[in-house]
């Protein structure tokens, strides 16, 4: 994809991150997707190409997008513990580690996940 557009630049950054970040059954990848309105998180085992758990802000309540993102982090941590997972690698999806993406990671840490 071309880096001349904002989306193209993000896709290139994400590809660069994905070269280094990969998940397996013991330490899956916590992939974050952020749209303008919502935020989603998945625990992915890249070796089997399966999603272990997922969460989105459609399932939680909160005042403001950042508060909902933090709640999504806590929810994905709870579902990870239920699946027997304590450690993950963080995939920010080409976004800056800032705002809602950082809030989701902080919520996951508070929920007990090691990132």
PDB file of N, CA and C in Angstrom:
ATOM      1  N   UNK A   1       0.840  -1.178   0.000  1.00  0.00           N
ATOM      2  CA  UNK A   1       0.000   0.000   0.000  1.00  0.00           C
ATOM      3  C   UNK A   1       0.880   1.234   0.000  1.00  0.00           C
ATOM      4  N   UNK A   2       0.374   2.240  -0.570  1.00  0.00           N
ATOM      5  CA  UNK A   2       1.086   3.497  -0.737  1.00  0.00           C
ATOM      6  C   UNK A   2       1.092   4.301   0.550  1.00  0.00           C
ATOM      7  N   UNK A   3       2.205   4.896   0.884  1.00  0.00           N
ATOM      8  CA  UNK A   3       2.311   5.693   2.112  1.00  0.00           C
ATOM      9  C   UNK A   3       1.888   7.138   1.897  1.00  0.00           C
ATOM     10  N   UNK A   4       1.341   7.447   0.734  1.00  0.00           N
ATOM     11  CA  UNK A   4       0.934   8.826   0.473  1.00  0.00           C
ATOM     12  C   UNK A   4      -0.373   9.173   1.173  1.00  0.00           C
ATOM     13  N   UNK A   5      -1.111   8.170   1.571  1.00  0.00           N
ATOM     14  CA  UNK A   5      -2.332   8.416   2.310  1.00  0.00           C
ATOM     15  C   UNK A   5      -2.108   8.079   3.780  1.00  0.00           C
ATOM     16  N   UNK A   6      -2.964   8.618   4.635  1.00  0.00           N
ATOM     17  CA  UNK A   6      -2.852   8.367   6.060  1.00  0.00           C
ATOM     18  C   UNK A   6      -3.025   6.873   6.353  1.00  0.00           C
ATOM     19  N   UNK A   7      -4.021   6.254   5.716  1.00  0.00           N
ATOM     20  CA  UNK A   7      -4.263   4.826   5.912  1.00  0.00           C
ATOM     21  C   UNK A   7      -3.091   4.003   5.394  1.00  0.00           C
ATOM     22  N   UNK A   8      -2.547   4.381   4.251  1.00  0.00           N
ATOM     23  CA  UNK A   8      -1.414   3.667   3.685  1.00  0.00           C
ATOM     24  C   UNK A   8      -0.198   3.696   4.598  1.00  0.00           C
ATOM     25  N   UNK A   9       0.043   4.840   5.211  1.00  0.00           N
ATOM     26  CA  UNK A   9       1.171   4.954   6.133  1.00  0.00           C
ATOM     27  C   UNK A   9       0.959   4.055   7.343  1.00  0.00           C
ATOM     28  N   UNK A  10      -0.285   3.990   7.858  1.00  0.00           N
ATOM     29  CA  UNK A  10      -0.577   3.131   9.005  1.00  0.00           C
ATOM     30  C   UNK A  10      -0.400   1.663   8.635  1.00  0.00           C
ATOM     31  N   UNK A  11      -0.840   1.266   7.464  1.00  0.00           N
ATOM     32  CA  UNK A  11      -0.701  -0.121   7.018  1.00  0.00           C
ATOM     33  C   UNK A  11       0.775  -0.494   6.893  1.00  0.00           C
ATOM     34  N   UNK A  12       1.594   0.429   6.402  1.00  0.00           N
ATOM     35  CA  UNK A  12       3.034   0.164   6.313  1.00  0.00           C
ATOM     36  C   UNK A  12       3.664   0.023   7.683  1.00  0.00           C
ATOM     37  N   UNK A  13       3.276   0.886   8.626  1.00  0.00           N
ATOM     38  CA  UNK A  13       3.785   0.769   9.996  1.00  0.00           C
ATOM     39  C   UNK A  13       3.368  -0.560  10.609  1.00  0.00           C
ATOM     40  N   UNK A  14       2.119  -0.959  10.363  1.00  0.00           N
ATOM     41  CA  UNK A  14       1.637  -2.222  10.919  1.00  0.00           C
ATOM     42  C   UNK A  14       2.425  -3.399  10.343  1.00  0.00           C
ATOM     43  N   UNK A  15       2.718  -3.367   9.066  1.00  0.00           N
ATOM     44  CA  UNK A  15       3.510  -4.432   8.449  1.00  0.00           C
ATOM     45  C   UNK A  15       4.903  -4.499   9.073  1.00  0.00           C
ATOM     46  N   UNK A  16       5.463  -3.345   9.381  1.00  0.00           N
ATOM     47  CA  UNK A  16       6.783  -3.294   9.995  1.00  0.00           C
ATOM     48  C   UNK A  16       6.734  -3.889  11.405  1.00  0.00           C
ATOM     49  N   UNK A  17       5.668  -3.603  12.146  1.00  0.00           N
ATOM     50  CA  UNK A  17       5.511  -4.158  13.491  1.00  0.00           C
ATOM     51  C   UNK A  17       5.308  -5.667  13.414  1.00  0.00           C
ATOM     52  N   UNK A  18       4.504  -6.126  12.447  1.00  0.00           N
ATOM     53  CA  UNK A  18       4.179  -7.542  12.338  1.00  0.00           C
ATOM     54  C   UNK A  18       5.380  -8.404  11.939  1.00  0.00           C
ATOM     55  N   UNK A  19       6.431  -7.797  11.379  1.00  0.00           N
ATOM     56  CA  UNK A  19       7.643  -8.556  11.095  1.00  0.00           C
ATOM     57  C   UNK A  19       8.266  -9.081  12.372  1.00  0.00           C
ATOM     58  N   UNK A  20       8.120  -8.316  13.449  1.00  0.00           N
ATOM     59  CA  UNK A  20       8.773  -8.643  14.710  1.00  0.00           C
ATOM     60  C   UNK A  20       7.841  -9.293  15.720  1.00  0.00           C
ATOM     61  N   UNK A  21       6.544  -9.019  15.628  1.00  0.00           N
ATOM     62  CA  UNK A  21       5.578  -9.466  16.635  1.00  0.00           C
ATOM     63  C   UNK A  21       4.788 -10.642  16.099  1.00  0.00           C
ATOM     64  N   UNK A  22       4.864 -11.756  16.830  1.00  0.00           N
ATOM     65  CA  UNK A  22       4.102 -12.946  16.462  1.00  0.00           C
ATOM     66  C   UNK A  22       3.664 -13.643  17.735  1.00  0.00           C
ATOM     67  N   UNK A  23       2.472 -14.218  17.711  1.00  0.00           N
ATOM     68  CA  UNK A  23       1.946 -14.876  18.893  1.00  0.00           C
ATOM     69  C   UNK A  23       1.899 -16.380  18.720  1.00  0.00           C
ATOM     70  N   UNK A  24       1.955 -17.090  19.849  1.00  0.00           N
ATOM     71  CA  UNK A  24       1.784 -18.543  19.825  1.00  0.00           C
ATOM     72  C   UNK A  24       0.841 -18.916  20.960  1.00  0.00           C
ATOM     73  N   UNK A  25       0.661 -20.205  21.206  1.00  0.00           N
ATOM     74  CA  UNK A  25      -0.307 -20.643  22.208  1.00  0.00           C
ATOM     75  C   UNK A  25       0.083 -20.186  23.609  1.00  0.00           C
ATOM     76  N   UNK A  26       1.387 -20.185  23.913  1.00  0.00           N
ATOM     77  CA  UNK A  26       1.839 -19.793  25.247  1.00  0.00           C
ATOM     78  C   UNK A  26       1.773 -18.281  25.446  1.00  0.00           C
ATOM     79  N   UNK A  27       2.066 -17.527  24.399  1.00  0.00           N
ATOM     80  CA  UNK A  27       2.068 -16.066  24.486  1.00  0.00           C
ATOM     81  C   UNK A  27       1.441 -15.495  23.213  1.00  0.00           C
ATOM     82  N   UNK A  28       0.100 -15.421  23.188  1.00  0.00           N
ATOM     83  CA  UNK A  28      -0.576 -14.951  21.975  1.00  0.00           C
ATOM     84  C   UNK A  28      -0.391 -13.452  21.748  1.00  0.00           C
ATOM     85  N   UNK A  29      -0.764 -13.031  20.561  1.00  0.00           N
ATOM     86  CA  UNK A  29      -0.670 -11.622  20.172  1.00  0.00           C
ATOM     87  C   UNK A  29      -1.970 -10.923  20.538  1.00  0.00           C
ATOM     88  N   UNK A  30      -1.854  -9.834  21.286  1.00  0.00           N
ATOM     89  CA  UNK A  30      -3.009  -9.001  21.606  1.00  0.00           C
ATOM     90  C   UNK A  30      -3.101  -7.936  20.529  1.00  0.00           C
ATOM     91  N   UNK A  31      -3.960  -8.172  19.540  1.00  0.00           N
ATOM     92  CA  UNK A  31      -4.096  -7.270  18.400  1.00  0.00           C
ATOM     93  C   UNK A  31      -5.204  -6.269  18.680  1.00  0.00           C
ATOM     94  N   UNK A  32      -4.913  -4.995  18.459  1.00  0.00           N
ATOM     95  CA  UNK A  32      -5.865  -3.919  18.700  1.00  0.00           C
ATOM     96  C   UNK A  32      -6.252  -3.308  17.367  1.00  0.00           C
ATOM     97  N   UNK A  33      -7.558  -3.165  17.144  1.00  0.00           N
ATOM     98  CA  UNK A  33      -8.060  -2.436  15.982  1.00  0.00           C
ATOM     99  C   UNK A  33      -8.888  -1.276  16.492  1.00  0.00           C
ATOM    100  N   UNK A  34      -8.558  -0.086  16.042  1.00  0.00           N
ATOM    101  CA  UNK A  34      -9.262   1.112  16.468  1.00  0.00           C
ATOM    102  C   UNK A  34      -9.873   1.789  15.258  1.00  0.00           C
ATOM    103  N   UNK A  35     -11.186   1.970  15.303  1.00  0.00           N
ATOM    104  CA  UNK A  35     -11.842   2.783  14.286  1.00  0.00           C
ATOM    105  C   UNK A  35     -12.160   4.137  14.911  1.00  0.00           C
ATOM    106  N   UNK A  36     -12.798   5.005  14.173  1.00  0.00           N
ATOM    107  CA  UNK A  36     -13.135   6.315  14.735  1.00  0.00           C
ATOM    108  C   UNK A  36     -14.128   6.199  15.881  1.00  0.00           C
ATOM    109  N   UNK A  37     -14.985   5.192  15.831  1.00  0.00           N
ATOM    110  CA  UNK A  37     -16.056   5.078  16.817  1.00  0.00           C
ATOM    111  C   UNK A  37     -15.840   3.966  17.840  1.00  0.00           C
ATOM    112  N   UNK A  38     -15.192   2.875  17.436  1.00  0.00           N
ATOM    113  CA  UNK A  38     -15.082   1.700  18.298  1.00  0.00           C
ATOM    114  C   UNK A  38     -13.636   1.240  18.428  1.00  0.00           C
ATOM    115  N   UNK A  39     -13.416   0.312  19.374  1.00  0.00           N
ATOM    116  CA  UNK A  39     -12.110  -0.317  19.542  1.00  0.00           C
ATOM    117  C   UNK A  39     -12.338  -1.796  19.809  1.00  0.00           C
ATOM    118  N   UNK A  40     -11.494  -2.632  19.213  1.00  0.00           N
ATOM    119  CA  UNK A  40     -11.627  -4.076  19.307  1.00  0.00           C
ATOM    120  C   UNK A  40     -10.278  -4.674  19.699  1.00  0.00           C
ATOM    121  N   UNK A  41     -10.314  -5.801  20.410  1.00  0.00           N
ATOM    122  CA  UNK A  41      -9.081  -6.487  20.802  1.00  0.00           C
ATOM    123  C   UNK A  41      -9.268  -7.980  20.588  1.00  0.00           C
ATOM    124  N   UNK A  42      -8.220  -8.640  20.117  1.00  0.00           N
ATOM    125  CA  UNK A  42      -8.244 -10.087  19.899  1.00  0.00           C
ATOM    126  C   UNK A  42      -6.961 -10.692  20.439  1.00  0.00           C
ATOM    127  N   UNK A  43      -7.066 -11.891  20.979  1.00  0.00           N
ATOM    128  CA  UNK A  43      -5.892 -12.699  21.314  1.00  0.00           C
ATOM    129  C   UNK A  43      -5.750 -13.726  20.208  1.00  0.00           C
ATOM    130  N   UNK A  44      -4.603 -13.693  19.514  1.00  0.00           N
ATOM    131  CA  UNK A  44      -4.423 -14.501  18.309  1.00  0.00           C
ATOM    132  C   UNK A  44      -3.218 -15.412  18.464  1.00  0.00           C
ATOM    133  N   UNK A  45      -3.413 -16.687  18.150  1.00  0.00           N
ATOM    134  CA  UNK A  45      -2.325 -17.648  18.028  1.00  0.00           C
ATOM    135  C   UNK A  45      -1.957 -17.696  16.553  1.00  0.00           C
ATOM    136  N   UNK A  46      -0.836 -17.075  16.189  1.00  0.00           N
ATOM    137  CA  UNK A  46      -0.454 -16.971  14.782  1.00  0.00           C
ATOM    138  C   UNK A  46       0.009 -18.301  14.199  1.00  0.00           C
ATOM    139  N   UNK A  47       0.493 -19.200  15.025  1.00  0.00           N
ATOM    140  CA  UNK A  47       0.953 -20.495  14.500  1.00  0.00           C
ATOM    141  C   UNK A  47      -0.216 -21.342  14.018  1.00  0.00           C
ATOM    142  N   UNK A  48      -1.335 -21.285  14.736  1.00  0.00           N
ATOM    143  CA  UNK A  48      -2.537 -22.025  14.326  1.00  0.00           C
ATOM    144  C   UNK A  48      -3.506 -21.155  13.539  1.00  0.00           C
ATOM    145  N   UNK A  49      -3.237 -19.857  13.476  1.00  0.00           N
ATOM    146  CA  UNK A  49      -4.108 -18.885  12.811  1.00  0.00           C
ATOM    147  C   UNK A  49      -5.512 -18.925  13.397  1.00  0.00           C
ATOM    148  N   UNK A  50      -5.593 -18.883  14.734  1.00  0.00           N
ATOM    149  CA  UNK A  50      -6.885 -18.904  15.404  1.00  0.00           C
ATOM    150  C   UNK A  50      -6.983 -17.759  16.409  1.00  0.00           C
ATOM    151  N   UNK A  51      -8.212 -17.328  16.628  1.00  0.00           N
ATOM    152  CA  UNK A  51      -8.491 -16.325  17.643  1.00  0.00           C
ATOM    153  C   UNK A  51      -8.880 -17.043  18.918  1.00  0.00           C
ATOM    154  N   UNK A  52      -8.181 -16.746  19.997  1.00  0.00           N
ATOM    155  CA  UNK A  52      -8.427 -17.400  21.280  1.00  0.00           C
ATOM    156  C   UNK A  52      -9.542 -16.686  22.033  1.00  0.00           C
ATOM    157  N   UNK A  53      -9.522 -15.361  22.040  1.00  0.00           N
ATOM    158  CA  UNK A  53     -10.545 -14.569  22.717  1.00  0.00           C
ATOM    159  C   UNK A  53     -10.647 -13.220  22.026  1.00  0.00           C
ATOM    160  N   UNK A  54     -11.777 -12.560  22.217  1.00  0.00           N
ATOM    161  CA  UNK A  54     -11.969 -11.236  21.632  1.00  0.00           C
ATOM    162  C   UNK A  54     -12.833 -10.409  22.554  1.00  0.00           C
ATOM    163  N   UNK A  55     -12.737  -9.091  22.407  1.00  0.00           N
ATOM    164  CA  UNK A  55     -13.567  -8.157  23.159  1.00  0.00           C
ATOM    165  C   UNK A  55     -13.697  -6.873  22.350  1.00  0.00           C
ATOM    166  N   UNK A  56     -14.796  -6.168  22.552  1.00  0.00           N
ATOM    167  CA  UNK A  56     -14.967  -4.881  21.885  1.00  0.00           C
ATOM    168  C   UNK A  56     -15.713  -3.933  22.811  1.00  0.00           C
ATOM    169  N   UNK A  57     -15.699  -2.652  22.452  1.00  0.00           N
ATOM    170  CA  UNK A  57     -16.369  -1.679  23.299  1.00  0.00           C
ATOM    171  C   UNK A  57     -17.878  -1.727  23.140  1.00  0.00           C
ATOM    172  N   UNK A  58     -18.375  -2.541  22.243  1.00  0.00           N
ATOM    173  CA  UNK A  58     -19.814  -2.740  22.125  1.00  0.00           C
ATOM    174  C   UNK A  58     -20.354  -3.559  23.292  1.00  0.00           C
ATOM    175  N   UNK A  59     -19.439  -4.252  23.996  1.00  0.00           N
ATOM    176  CA  UNK A  59     -19.833  -5.116  25.104  1.00  0.00           C
ATOM    177  C   UNK A  59     -19.718  -4.431  26.464  1.00  0.00           C
ATOM    178  N   UNK A  60     -19.099  -3.279  26.523  1.00  0.00           N
ATOM    179  CA  UNK A  60     -18.872  -2.591  27.799  1.00  0.00           C
ATOM    180  C   UNK A  60     -19.559  -1.235  27.769  1.00  0.00           C
ATOM    181  N   UNK A  61     -19.675  -0.634  28.945  1.00  0.00           N
ATOM    182  CA  UNK A  61     -20.242   0.704  29.010  1.00  0.00           C
ATOM    183  C   UNK A  61     -19.224   1.631  29.658  1.00  0.00           C
ATOM    184  N   UNK A  62     -19.377   2.877  29.388  1.00  0.00           N
ATOM    185  CA  UNK A  62     -18.472   3.865  29.953  1.00  0.00           C
ATOM    186  C   UNK A  62     -18.711   5.205  29.310  1.00  0.00           C
ATOM    187  N   UNK A  63     -18.313   6.247  29.987  1.00  0.00           N
ATOM    188  CA  UNK A  63     -18.478   7.596  29.473  1.00  0.00           C
ATOM    189  C   UNK A  63     -17.207   7.996  28.741  1.00  0.00           C
ATOM    190  N   UNK A  64     -17.263   8.056  27.442  1.00  0.00           N
ATOM    191  CA  UNK A  64     -16.106   8.454  26.646  1.00  0.00           C
ATOM    192  C   UNK A  64     -15.401   7.242  26.052  1.00  0.00           C
ATOM    193  N   UNK A  65     -14.752   7.479  24.919  1.00  0.00           N
ATOM    194  CA  UNK A  65     -14.097   6.384  24.187  1.00  0.00           C
ATOM    195  C   UNK A  65     -12.884   5.835  24.926  1.00  0.00           C
ATOM    196  N   UNK A  66     -12.135   6.683  25.616  1.00  0.00           N
ATOM    197  CA  UNK A  66     -10.948   6.220  26.332  1.00  0.00           C
ATOM    198  C   UNK A  66     -11.333   5.341  27.507  1.00  0.00           C
ATOM    199  N   UNK A  67     -12.383   5.699  28.217  1.00  0.00           N
ATOM    200  CA  UNK A  67     -12.854   4.888  29.339  1.00  0.00           C
ATOM    201  C   UNK A  67     -13.349   3.527  28.848  1.00  0.00           C
ATOM    202  N   UNK A  68     -14.038   3.523  27.708  1.00  0.00           N
ATOM    203  CA  UNK A  68     -14.508   2.246  27.150  1.00  0.00           C
ATOM    204  C   UNK A  68     -13.334   1.401  26.686  1.00  0.00           C
ATOM    205  N   UNK A  69     -12.289   2.027  26.150  1.00  0.00           N
ATOM    206  CA  UNK A  69     -11.107   1.279  25.713  1.00  0.00           C
ATOM    207  C   UNK A  69     -10.434   0.601  26.896  1.00  0.00           C
ATOM    208  N   UNK A  70     -10.349   1.298  28.024  1.00  0.00           N
ATOM    209  CA  UNK A  70      -9.755   0.707  29.216  1.00  0.00           C
ATOM    210  C   UNK A  70     -10.591  -0.473  29.702  1.00  0.00           C
ATOM    211  N   UNK A  71     -11.915  -0.339  29.629  1.00  0.00           N
ATOM    212  CA  UNK A  71     -12.809  -1.436  30.019  1.00  0.00           C
ATOM    213  C   UNK A  71     -12.645  -2.634  29.091  1.00  0.00           C
ATOM    214  N   UNK A  72     -12.397  -2.384  27.810  1.00  0.00           N
ATOM    215  CA  UNK A  72     -12.143  -3.481  26.862  1.00  0.00           C
ATOM    216  C   UNK A  72     -10.860  -4.206  27.244  1.00  0.00           C
ATOM    217  N   UNK A  73      -9.836  -3.464  27.657  1.00  0.00           N
ATOM    218  CA  UNK A  73      -8.592  -4.081  28.108  1.00  0.00           C
ATOM    219  C   UNK A  73      -8.814  -4.984  29.302  1.00  0.00           C
ATOM    220  N   UNK A  74      -9.607  -4.526  30.251  1.00  0.00           N
ATOM    221  CA  UNK A  74      -9.912  -5.343  31.429  1.00  0.00           C
ATOM    222  C   UNK A  74     -10.712  -6.585  31.047  1.00  0.00           C
ATOM    223  N   UNK A  75     -11.654  -6.422  30.099  1.00  0.00           N
ATOM    224  CA  UNK A  75     -12.477  -7.548  29.651  1.00  0.00           C
ATOM    225  C   UNK A  75     -11.634  -8.593  28.911  1.00  0.00           C
ATOM    226  N   UNK A  76     -10.717  -8.161  28.048  1.00  0.00           N
ATOM    227  CA  UNK A  76      -9.878  -9.120  27.323  1.00  0.00           C
ATOM    228  C   UNK A  76      -8.929  -9.826  28.289  1.00  0.00           C
ATOM    229  N   UNK A  77      -8.493  -9.133  29.335  1.00  0.00           N
ATOM    230  CA  UNK A  77      -7.639  -9.765  30.346  1.00  0.00           C
ATOM    231  C   UNK A  77      -8.419 -10.838  31.103  1.00  0.00           C
ATOM    232  N   UNK A  78      -9.661 -10.547  31.418  1.00  0.00           N
ATOM    233  CA  UNK A  78     -10.511 -11.520  32.109  1.00  0.00           C
ATOM    234  C   UNK A  78     -10.725 -12.755  31.238  1.00  0.00           C
ATOM    235  N   UNK A  79     -10.990 -12.554  29.960  1.00  0.00           N
ATOM    236  CA  UNK A  79     -11.204 -13.685  29.044  1.00  0.00           C
ATOM    237  C   UNK A  79      -9.914 -14.454  28.803  1.00  0.00           C
ATOM    238  N   UNK A  80      -8.787 -13.767  28.823  1.00  0.00           N
ATOM    239  CA  UNK A  80      -7.491 -14.441  28.669  1.00  0.00           C
ATOM    240  C   UNK A  80      -7.227 -15.337  29.876  1.00  0.00           C
ATOM    241  N   UNK A  81      -7.485 -14.826  31.062  1.00  0.00           N
ATOM    242  CA  UNK A  81      -7.285 -15.641  32.270  1.00  0.00           C
ATOM    243  C   UNK A  81      -8.177 -16.868  32.245  1.00  0.00           C
ATOM    244  N   UNK A  82      -9.402 -16.701  31.750  1.00  0.00           N
ATOM    245  CA  UNK A  82     -10.321 -17.831  31.637  1.00  0.00           C
ATOM    246  C   UNK A  82      -9.775 -18.882  30.667  1.00  0.00           C
ATOM    247  N   UNK A  83      -9.049 -18.429  29.646  1.00  0.00           N
ATOM    248  CA  UNK A  83      -8.447 -19.340  28.668  1.00  0.00           C
ATOM    249  C   UNK A  83      -7.091 -19.856  29.124  1.00  0.00           C
ATOM    250  N   UNK A  84      -6.618 -19.417  30.308  1.00  0.00           N
ATOM    251  CA  UNK A  84      -5.348 -19.893  30.840  1.00  0.00           C
ATOM    252  C   UNK A  84      -4.140 -19.146  30.321  1.00  0.00           C
ATOM    253  N   UNK A  85      -4.321 -17.903  29.925  1.00  0.00           N
ATOM    254  CA  UNK A  85      -3.232 -17.097  29.363  1.00  0.00           C
ATOM    255  C   UNK A  85      -2.899 -15.975  30.335  1.00  0.00           C
ATOM    256  N   UNK A  86      -1.606 -15.802  30.597  1.00  0.00           N
ATOM    257  CA  UNK A  86      -1.170 -14.732  31.492  1.00  0.00           C
ATOM    258  C   UNK A  86      -0.259 -13.725  30.805  1.00  0.00           C
ATOM    259  N   UNK A  87       0.442 -14.145  29.734  1.00  0.00           N
ATOM    260  CA  UNK A  87       1.387 -13.264  29.042  1.00  0.00           C
ATOM    261  C   UNK A  87       0.994 -13.136  27.580  1.00  0.00           C
ATOM    262  N   UNK A  88       1.122 -11.919  27.047  1.00  0.00           N
ATOM    263  CA  UNK A  88       0.799 -11.659  25.644  1.00  0.00           C
ATOM    264  C   UNK A  88       1.858 -10.729  25.050  1.00  0.00           C
ATOM    265  N   UNK A  89       1.897 -10.663  23.727  1.00  0.00           N
ATOM    266  CA  UNK A  89       2.680  -9.642  23.032  1.00  0.00           C
ATOM    267  C   UNK A  89       1.683  -8.643  22.459  1.00  0.00           C
ATOM    268  N   UNK A  90       2.015  -7.367  22.517  1.00  0.00           N
ATOM    269  CA  UNK A  90       1.079  -6.305  22.153  1.00  0.00           C
ATOM    270  C   UNK A  90       1.301  -5.879  20.711  1.00  0.00           C
ATOM    271  N   UNK A  91       0.221  -5.896  19.921  1.00  0.00           N
ATOM    272  CA  UNK A  91       0.246  -5.440  18.530  1.00  0.00           C
ATOM    273  C   UNK A  91      -0.664  -4.226  18.434  1.00  0.00           C
ATOM    274  N   UNK A  92      -0.062  -3.055  18.296  1.00  0.00           N
ATOM    275  CA  UNK A  92      -0.825  -1.816  18.315  1.00  0.00           C
ATOM    276  C   UNK A  92      -1.450  -1.499  16.964  1.00  0.00           C
ATOM    277  N   UNK A  93      -1.248  -2.324  15.972  1.00  0.00           N
ATOM    278  CA  UNK A  93      -1.918  -2.160  14.690  1.00  0.00           C
ATOM    279  C   UNK A  93      -1.452  -0.977  13.873  1.00  0.00           C
ATOM    280  N   UNK A  94      -0.194  -0.564  14.049  1.00  0.00           N
ATOM    281  CA  UNK A  94       0.322   0.560  13.291  1.00  0.00           C
ATOM    282  C   UNK A  94      -0.051   1.909  13.879  1.00  0.00           C
ATOM    283  N   UNK A  95      -0.818   1.915  14.943  1.00  0.00           N
ATOM    284  CA  UNK A  95      -1.213   3.159  15.611  1.00  0.00           C
ATOM    285  C   UNK A  95      -0.140   3.562  16.625  1.00  0.00           C
ATOM    286  N   UNK A  96      -0.155   4.815  17.025  1.00  0.00           N
ATOM    287  CA  UNK A  96       0.723   5.265  18.087  1.00  0.00           C
ATOM    288  C   UNK A  96       0.278   4.661  19.411  1.00  0.00           C
ATOM    289  N   UNK A  97       1.229   4.373  20.287  1.00  0.00           N
ATOM    290  CA  UNK A  97       0.901   3.905  21.631  1.00  0.00           C
ATOM    291  C   UNK A  97       0.503   5.139  22.435  1.00  0.00           C
ATOM    292  N   UNK A  98      -0.746   5.545  22.265  1.00  0.00           N
ATOM    293  CA  UNK A  98      -1.218   6.811  22.815  1.00  0.00           C
ATOM    294  C   UNK A  98      -2.743   6.759  22.847  1.00  0.00           C
ATOM    295  N   UNK A  99      -3.346   7.457  23.760  1.00  0.00           N
ATOM    296  CA  UNK A  99      -4.793   7.585  23.789  1.00  0.00           C
ATOM    297  C   UNK A  99      -5.508   6.276  24.054  1.00  0.00           C
ATOM    298  N   UNK A 100      -6.447   5.920  23.162  1.00  0.00           N
ATOM    299  CA  UNK A 100      -7.262   4.727  23.373  1.00  0.00           C
ATOM    300  C   UNK A 100      -6.465   3.439  23.306  1.00  0.00           C
ATOM    301  N   UNK A 101      -5.440   3.383  22.457  1.00  0.00           N
ATOM    302  CA  UNK A 101      -4.610   2.178  22.350  1.00  0.00           C
ATOM    303  C   UNK A 101      -3.849   1.961  23.657  1.00  0.00           C
ATOM    304  N   UNK A 102      -3.284   3.022  24.208  1.00  0.00           N
ATOM    305  CA  UNK A 102      -2.566   2.923  25.479  1.00  0.00           C
ATOM    306  C   UNK A 102      -3.521   2.614  26.622  1.00  0.00           C
ATOM    307  N   UNK A 103      -4.738   3.158  26.579  1.00  0.00           N
ATOM    308  CA  UNK A 103      -5.726   2.893  27.625  1.00  0.00           C
ATOM    309  C   UNK A 103      -6.130   1.429  27.619  1.00  0.00           C
ATOM    310  N   UNK A 104      -6.283   0.841  26.441  1.00  0.00           N
ATOM    311  CA  UNK A 104      -6.613  -0.580  26.350  1.00  0.00           C
ATOM    312  C   UNK A 104      -5.489  -1.419  26.952  1.00  0.00           C
ATOM    313  N   UNK A 105      -4.251  -1.096  26.641  1.00  0.00           N
ATOM    314  CA  UNK A 105      -3.116  -1.839  27.183  1.00  0.00           C
ATOM    315  C   UNK A 105      -3.046  -1.697  28.699  1.00  0.00           C
ATOM    316  N   UNK A 106      -3.300  -0.490  29.188  1.00  0.00           N
ATOM    317  CA  UNK A 106      -3.281  -0.259  30.633  1.00  0.00           C
ATOM    318  C   UNK A 106      -4.388  -1.048  31.331  1.00  0.00           C
ATOM    319  N   UNK A 107      -5.564  -1.098  30.715  1.00  0.00           N
ATOM    320  CA  UNK A 107      -6.658  -1.888  31.272  1.00  0.00           C
ATOM    321  C   UNK A 107      -6.329  -3.367  31.304  1.00  0.00           C
ATOM    322  N   UNK A 108      -5.653  -3.857  30.253  1.00  0.00           N
ATOM    323  CA  UNK A 108      -5.252  -5.264  30.218  1.00  0.00           C
ATOM    324  C   UNK A 108      -4.231  -5.558  31.312  1.00  0.00           C
ATOM    325  N   UNK A 109      -3.306  -4.629  31.539  1.00  0.00           N
ATOM    326  CA  UNK A 109      -2.334  -4.818  32.615  1.00  0.00           C
ATOM    327  C   UNK A 109      -3.014  -4.836  33.975  1.00  0.00           C
ATOM    328  N   UNK A 110      -3.958  -3.924  34.185  1.00  0.00           N
ATOM    329  CA  UNK A 110      -4.686  -3.883  35.447  1.00  0.00           C
ATOM    330  C   UNK A 110      -5.522  -5.142  35.648  1.00  0.00           C
ATOM    331  N   UNK A 111      -5.953  -5.742  34.536  1.00  0.00           N
ATOM    332  CA  UNK A 111      -6.714  -6.992  34.610  1.00  0.00           C
ATOM    333  C   UNK A 111      -5.836  -8.203  34.887  1.00  0.00           C
ATOM    334  N   UNK A 112      -4.514  -8.027  34.874  1.00  0.00           N
ATOM    335  CA  UNK A 112      -3.611  -9.101  35.219  1.00  0.00           C
ATOM    336  C   UNK A 112      -2.774  -9.670  34.087  1.00  0.00           C
ATOM    337  N   UNK A 113      -2.900  -9.135  32.880  1.00  0.00           N
ATOM    338  CA  UNK A 113      -2.078  -9.620  31.773  1.00  0.00           C
ATOM    339  C   UNK A 113      -0.679  -9.008  31.837  1.00  0.00           C
ATOM    340  N   UNK A 114       0.316  -9.782  31.476  1.00  0.00           N
ATOM    341  CA  UNK A 114       1.679  -9.280  31.356  1.00  0.00           C
ATOM    342  C   UNK A 114       1.934  -8.989  29.883  1.00  0.00           C
ATOM    343  N   UNK A 115       2.229  -7.739  29.594  1.00  0.00           N
ATOM    344  CA  UNK A 115       2.480  -7.334  28.201  1.00  0.00           C
ATOM    345  C   UNK A 115       3.957  -7.096  28.054  1.00  0.00           C
TER     346      UNK A 115
END
